[in-house]
C-alpha atoms as a PDB file:
ATOM      1  CA  UNK A   1      -6.249 -70.973 -12.328  1.00  0.00           C
ATOM      2  CA  UNK A   2      -3.416 -69.801 -10.071  1.00  0.00           C
ATOM      3  CA  UNK A   3      -2.190 -67.353 -12.662  1.00  0.00           C
ATOM      4  CA  UNK A   4      -5.685 -65.833 -13.344  1.00  0.00           C
ATOM      5  CA  UNK A   5      -5.998 -65.097  -9.481  1.00  0.00           C
ATOM      6  CA  UNK A   6      -2.754 -63.595  -9.150  1.00  0.00           C
ATOM      7  CA  UNK A   7      -3.465 -61.292 -12.265  1.00  0.00           C
ATOM      8  CA  UNK A   8      -6.906 -60.152 -10.399  1.00  0.00           C
ATOM      9  CA  UNK A   9      -4.977 -59.737  -7.181  1.00  0.00           C
ATOM     10  CA  UNK A  10      -2.256 -57.645  -8.851  1.00  0.00           C
ATOM     11  CA  UNK A  11      -4.682 -55.365 -10.989  1.00  0.00           C
ATOM     12  CA  UNK A  12      -6.685 -54.880  -7.643  1.00  0.00           C
ATOM     13  CA  UNK A  13      -3.447 -53.717  -5.966  1.00  0.00           C
ATOM     14  CA  UNK A  14      -2.565 -51.532  -9.039  1.00  0.00           C
ATOM     15  CA  UNK A  15      -5.897 -49.771  -8.795  1.00  0.00           C
ATOM     16  CA  UNK A  16      -5.512 -49.069  -5.269  1.00  0.00           C
ATOM     17  CA  UNK A  17      -2.185 -47.442  -5.842  1.00  0.00           C
ATOM     18  CA  UNK A  18      -3.747 -45.342  -8.524  1.00  0.00           C
ATOM     19  CA  UNK A  19      -6.414 -44.010  -6.326  1.00  0.00           C
ATOM     20  CA  UNK A  20      -4.005 -43.432  -3.605  1.00  0.00           C
ATOM     21  CA  UNK A  21      -1.774 -41.503  -5.794  1.00  0.00           C
ATOM     22  CA  UNK A  22      -4.823 -39.353  -7.139  1.00  0.00           C
ATOM     23  CA  UNK A  23      -6.123 -38.731  -3.529  1.00  0.00           C
ATOM     24  CA  UNK A  24      -2.692 -37.427  -2.671  1.00  0.00           C
ATOM     25  CA  UNK A  25      -2.240 -35.401  -5.886  1.00  0.00           C
ATOM     26  CA  UNK A  26      -5.621 -33.763  -5.169  1.00  0.00           C
ATOM     27  CA  UNK A  27      -4.849 -33.029  -1.567  1.00  0.00           C
ATOM     28  CA  UNK A  28      -1.245 -31.551  -2.442  1.00  0.00           C
ATOM     29  CA  UNK A  29      -2.924 -29.154  -5.086  1.00  0.00           C
ATOM     30  CA  UNK A  30      -5.331 -28.052  -2.448  1.00  0.00           C
ATOM     31  CA  UNK A  31      -2.554 -27.244  -0.093  1.00  0.00           C
ATOM     32  CA  UNK A  32      -0.452 -25.382  -2.629  1.00  0.00           C
ATOM     33  CA  UNK A  33      -3.384 -23.063  -3.285  1.00  0.00           C
ATOM     34  CA  UNK A  34      -3.780 -22.434   0.332  1.00  0.00           C
ATOM     35  CA  UNK A  35      -0.063 -21.657   0.507  1.00  0.00           C
ATOM     36  CA  UNK A  36       0.001 -19.307  -2.557  1.00  0.00           C
ATOM     37  CA  UNK A  37      -3.369 -17.385  -1.025  1.00  0.00           C
ATOM     38  CA  UNK A  38      -1.800 -17.103   2.177  1.00  0.00           C
ATOM     39  CA  UNK A  39       1.404 -15.659   0.417  1.00  0.00           C
ATOM     40  CA  UNK A  40      -0.569 -13.158  -1.529  1.00  0.00           C
ATOM     41  CA  UNK A  41      -2.580 -11.942   1.625  1.00  0.00           C
ATOM     42  CA  UNK A  42       0.624 -11.601   3.356  1.00  0.00           C
ATOM     43  CA  UNK A  43       2.267  -9.438   0.564  1.00  0.00           C
ATOM     44  CA  UNK A  44      -0.992  -7.430   0.183  1.00  0.00           C
ATOM     45  CA  UNK A  45      -1.214  -6.748   3.890  1.00  0.00           C
ATOM     46  CA  UNK A  46       2.327  -5.707   4.063  1.00  0.00           C
ATOM     47  CA  UNK A  47       1.665  -3.099   1.218  1.00  0.00           C
ATOM     48  CA  UNK A  48      -1.287  -1.788   2.785  1.00  0.00           C
ATOM     49  CA  UNK A  49       0.615  -1.523   6.311  1.00  0.00           C
ATOM     50  CA  UNK A  50       3.356   0.469   4.300  1.00  0.00           C
ATOM     51  CA  UNK A  51       1.062   2.819   2.606  1.00  0.00           C
ATOM     52  CA  UNK A  52      -0.923   3.593   5.755  1.00  0.00           C
ATOM     53  CA  UNK A  53       2.399   4.364   7.592  1.00  0.00           C
ATOM     54  CA  UNK A  54       3.603   6.658   4.817  1.00  0.00           C
ATOM     55  CA  UNK A  55       0.070   8.498   4.516  1.00  0.00           C
ATOM     56  CA  UNK A  56       0.053   8.814   8.487  1.00  0.00           C
ATOM     57  CA  UNK A  57       3.713  10.254   8.446  1.00  0.00           C
ATOM     58  CA  UNK A  58       2.519  12.859   5.706  1.00  0.00           C
ATOM     59  CA  UNK A  59      -0.570  13.595   7.679  1.00  0.00           C
ATOM     60  CA  UNK A  60       1.451  14.218  11.042  1.00  0.00           C
ATOM     61  CA  UNK A  61       3.737  16.545   9.167  1.00  0.00           C
ATOM     62  CA  UNK A  62       0.649  18.577   7.661  1.00  0.00           C
ATOM     63  CA  UNK A  63      -1.126  18.550  10.976  1.00  0.00           C
ATOM     64  CA  UNK A  64       1.837  20.270  12.859  1.00  0.00           C
ATOM     65  CA  UNK A  65       1.933  22.868  10.197  1.00  0.00           C
ATOM     66  CA  UNK A  66       0.219  26.220  10.475  1.00  0.00           C
ATOM     67  CA  UNK A  67       0.101  26.811   6.761  1.00  0.00           C
ATOM     68  CA  UNK A  68       0.474  24.953   3.447  1.00  0.00           C
ATOM     69  CA  UNK A  69       4.064  26.874   2.793  1.00  0.00           C
ATOM     70  CA  UNK A  70       5.294  25.505   6.051  1.00  0.00           C
ATOM     71  CA  UNK A  71       3.990  22.038   5.252  1.00  0.00           C
ATOM     72  CA  UNK A  72       5.851  22.102   1.820  1.00  0.00           C
ATOM     73  CA  UNK A  73       8.851  23.091   3.761  1.00  0.00           C
ATOM     74  CA  UNK A  74       8.639  20.183   6.469  1.00  0.00           C
ATOM     75  CA  UNK A  75       7.807  17.957   3.718  1.00  0.00           C
ATOM     76  CA  UNK A  76      10.872  18.816   1.851  1.00  0.00           C
ATOM     77  CA  UNK A  77      12.929  18.414   5.048  1.00  0.00           C
ATOM     78  CA  UNK A  78      11.469  14.919   5.808  1.00  0.00           C
ATOM     79  CA  UNK A  79      11.497  13.542   2.190  1.00  0.00           C
ATOM     80  CA  UNK A  80      14.399  15.204   0.360  1.00  0.00           C
ATOM     81  CA  UNK A  81      13.666  12.915  -2.659  1.00  0.00           C
ATOM     82  CA  UNK A  82      10.180  14.751  -2.849  1.00  0.00           C
ATOM     83  CA  UNK A  83      10.052  14.510  -6.628  1.00  0.00           C
ATOM     84  CA  UNK A  84       7.049  16.777  -7.486  1.00  0.00           C
ATOM     85  CA  UNK A  85       5.868  19.899  -5.609  1.00  0.00           C
ATOM     86  CA  UNK A  86       3.241  21.892  -7.400  1.00  0.00           C
ATOM     87  CA  UNK A  87       1.581  24.944  -6.040  1.00  0.00           C
ATOM     88  CA  UNK A  88      -1.445  26.029  -7.650  1.00  0.00           C
ATOM     89  CA  UNK A  89      -2.086  28.966  -5.555  1.00  0.00           C
ATOM     90  CA  UNK A  90      -1.720  30.240  -1.675  1.00  0.00           C
ATOM     91  CA  UNK A  91      -4.503  28.185  -1.066  1.00  0.00           C
ATOM     92  CA  UNK A  92      -3.742  24.946  -2.543  1.00  0.00           C
ATOM     93  CA  UNK A  93      -0.644  22.697  -3.160  1.00  0.00           C
ATOM     94  CA  UNK A  94       0.098  19.181  -4.398  1.00  0.00           C
ATOM     95  CA  UNK A  95       3.054  17.138  -3.537  1.00  0.00           C
ATOM     96  CA  UNK A  96       3.962  13.476  -4.804  1.00  0.00           C
ATOM     97  CA  UNK A  97       6.586  10.956  -3.585  1.00  0.00           C
ATOM     98  CA  UNK A  98       7.464   8.009  -5.445  1.00  0.00           C
ATOM     99  CA  UNK A  99       8.213   4.447  -3.894  1.00  0.00           C
ATOM    100  CA  UNK A 100       9.762   1.372  -5.237  1.00  0.00           C
ATOM    101  CA  UNK A 101       8.761  -2.185  -4.187  1.00  0.00           C
ATOM    102  CA  UNK A 102      10.050  -2.195  -0.764  1.00  0.00           C
ATOM    103  CA  UNK A 103       8.539   1.424  -0.087  1.00  0.00           C
ATOM    104  CA  UNK A 104      11.952   3.360  -0.419  1.00  0.00           C
ATOM    105  CA  UNK A 105      11.792   6.553  -2.203  1.00  0.00           C
ATOM    106  CA  UNK A 106      13.015   6.598  -5.567  1.00  0.00           C
ATOM    107  CA  UNK A 107      12.638   8.370  -9.095  1.00  0.00           C
ATOM    108  CA  UNK A 108       9.486   8.686 -10.980  1.00  0.00           C
ATOM    109  CA  UNK A 109      10.882   6.191 -13.692  1.00  0.00           C
ATOM    110  CA  UNK A 110      11.352   3.294 -11.103  1.00  0.00           C
ATOM    111  CA  UNK A 111       8.409   3.773  -8.835  1.00  0.00           C
ATOM    112  CA  UNK A 112       6.004   0.857  -8.079  1.00  0.00           C
ATOM    113  CA  UNK A 113       3.857   3.249  -5.659  1.00  0.00           C
ATOM    114  CA  UNK A 114       2.812   7.091  -5.752  1.00  0.00           C
ATOM    115  CA  UNK A 115       1.944   8.852  -2.764  1.00  0.00           C
ATOM    116  CA  UNK A 116      -0.254  12.118  -3.916  1.00  0.00           C
ATOM    117  CA  UNK A 117      -0.997  14.653  -1.278  1.00  0.00           C
ATOM    118  CA  UNK A 118      -3.351  17.387  -2.085  1.00  0.00           C
ATOM    119  CA  UNK A 119      -3.509  20.210   0.311  1.00  0.00           C
ATOM    120  CA  UNK A 120      -5.735  22.993   0.858  1.00  0.00           C
ATOM    121  CA  UNK A 121      -6.294  26.193   3.075  1.00  0.00           C
ATOM    122  CA  UNK A 122      -9.427  27.852   3.843  1.00  0.00           C
ATOM    123  CA  UNK A 123      -9.499  30.619   6.428  1.00  0.00           C
ATOM    124  CA  UNK A 124      -8.212  28.725   9.560  1.00  0.00           C
ATOM    125  CA  UNK A 125      -9.024  25.281   8.152  1.00  0.00           C
ATOM    126  CA  UNK A 126      -6.258  22.954   6.762  1.00  0.00           C
ATOM    127  CA  UNK A 127      -7.400  19.876   4.926  1.00  0.00           C
ATOM    128  CA  UNK A 128      -5.314  17.270   2.991  1.00  0.00           C
ATOM    129  CA  UNK A 129      -6.311  14.161   0.780  1.00  0.00           C
ATOM    130  CA  UNK A 130      -3.346  11.868   0.885  1.00  0.00           C
ATOM    131  CA  UNK A 131      -3.495   8.704  -1.448  1.00  0.00           C
ATOM    132  CA  UNK A 132      -1.158   5.801  -2.057  1.00  0.00           C
ATOM    133  CA  UNK A 133      -1.706   4.295  -5.771  1.00  0.00           C
ATOM    134  CA  UNK A 134       0.140   1.455  -7.219  1.00  0.00           C
ATOM    135  CA  UNK A 135       1.698   1.611 -10.754  1.00  0.00           C
ATOM    136  CA  UNK A 136      -1.734   0.159 -12.414  1.00  0.00           C
ATOM    137  CA  UNK A 137      -3.311   3.168 -10.894  1.00  0.00           C
ATOM    138  CA  UNK A 138      -5.440   1.240  -8.281  1.00  0.00           C
ATOM    139  CA  UNK A 139      -5.936   3.066  -4.853  1.00  0.00           C
ATOM    140  CA  UNK A 140      -4.054   1.194  -1.986  1.00  0.00           C
ATOM    141  CA  UNK A 141      -4.783   3.371   0.630  1.00  0.00           C
ATOM    142  CA  UNK A 142      -6.376   7.071   1.162  1.00  0.00           C
ATOM    143  CA  UNK A 143      -6.583   9.289   3.980  1.00  0.00           C
ATOM    144  CA  UNK A 144      -8.368  12.434   4.382  1.00  0.00           C
ATOM    145  CA  UNK A 145      -7.357  14.901   7.153  1.00  0.00           C
ATOM    146  CA  UNK A 146      -8.414  18.264   8.461  1.00  0.00           C
ATOM    147  CA  UNK A 147      -7.267  20.597  11.261  1.00  0.00           C
ATOM    148  CA  UNK A 148      -8.050  23.950  12.497  1.00  0.00           C
ATOM    149  CA  UNK A 149      -5.191  26.485  12.818  1.00  0.00           C
ATOM    150  CA  UNK A 150      -5.252  29.360  15.183  1.00  0.00           C
ATOM    151  CA  UNK A 151      -4.244  32.610  13.922  1.00  0.00           C
ATOM    152  CA  UNK A 152      -2.968  35.445  16.042  1.00  0.00           C
ATOM    153  CA  UNK A 153      -5.149  38.698  15.823  1.00  0.00           C
ATOM    154  CA  UNK A 154      -3.346  41.975  16.097  1.00  0.00           C
ATOM    155  CA  UNK A 155      -4.490  42.226  19.685  1.00  0.00           C
ATOM    156  CA  UNK A 156      -2.755  38.797  20.681  1.00  0.00           C
ATOM    157  CA  UNK A 157       0.598  39.726  18.929  1.00  0.00           C
ATOM    158  CA  UNK A 158       1.373  42.794  21.628  1.00  0.00           C
END
């Protein structure tokens, strides 16, 4: 009989050990999920922050300009890697800047993010739509701006 009670106590200990291992494995799986989720949120917020900064930089350059041509010249000075610059007419223009994973300007072939700036001019109102998209065409951030440019009349020039 002594053997039998030993078998029962060892099986009870084994069952306790199995439950403890199961409990710790479940809690460790939950903790790993929390760490992965926090890493993804951190990465996404970093990308969003960089996209906002780049859009704000382009918007500041455009807001300091008096015309689309002036804005494109200022953009070319600030972003020598401005890969694409298309002007449809004197009242509209489009510029693209390509970025890699670290938001450094790069070529179109190596890009992970694309900043597209559409500029329009109507009389004395300059408007822009600046958008950063990821390589899967999802919009990361979009900024719409407009500002009024005071034009000099012939009387004021004298």
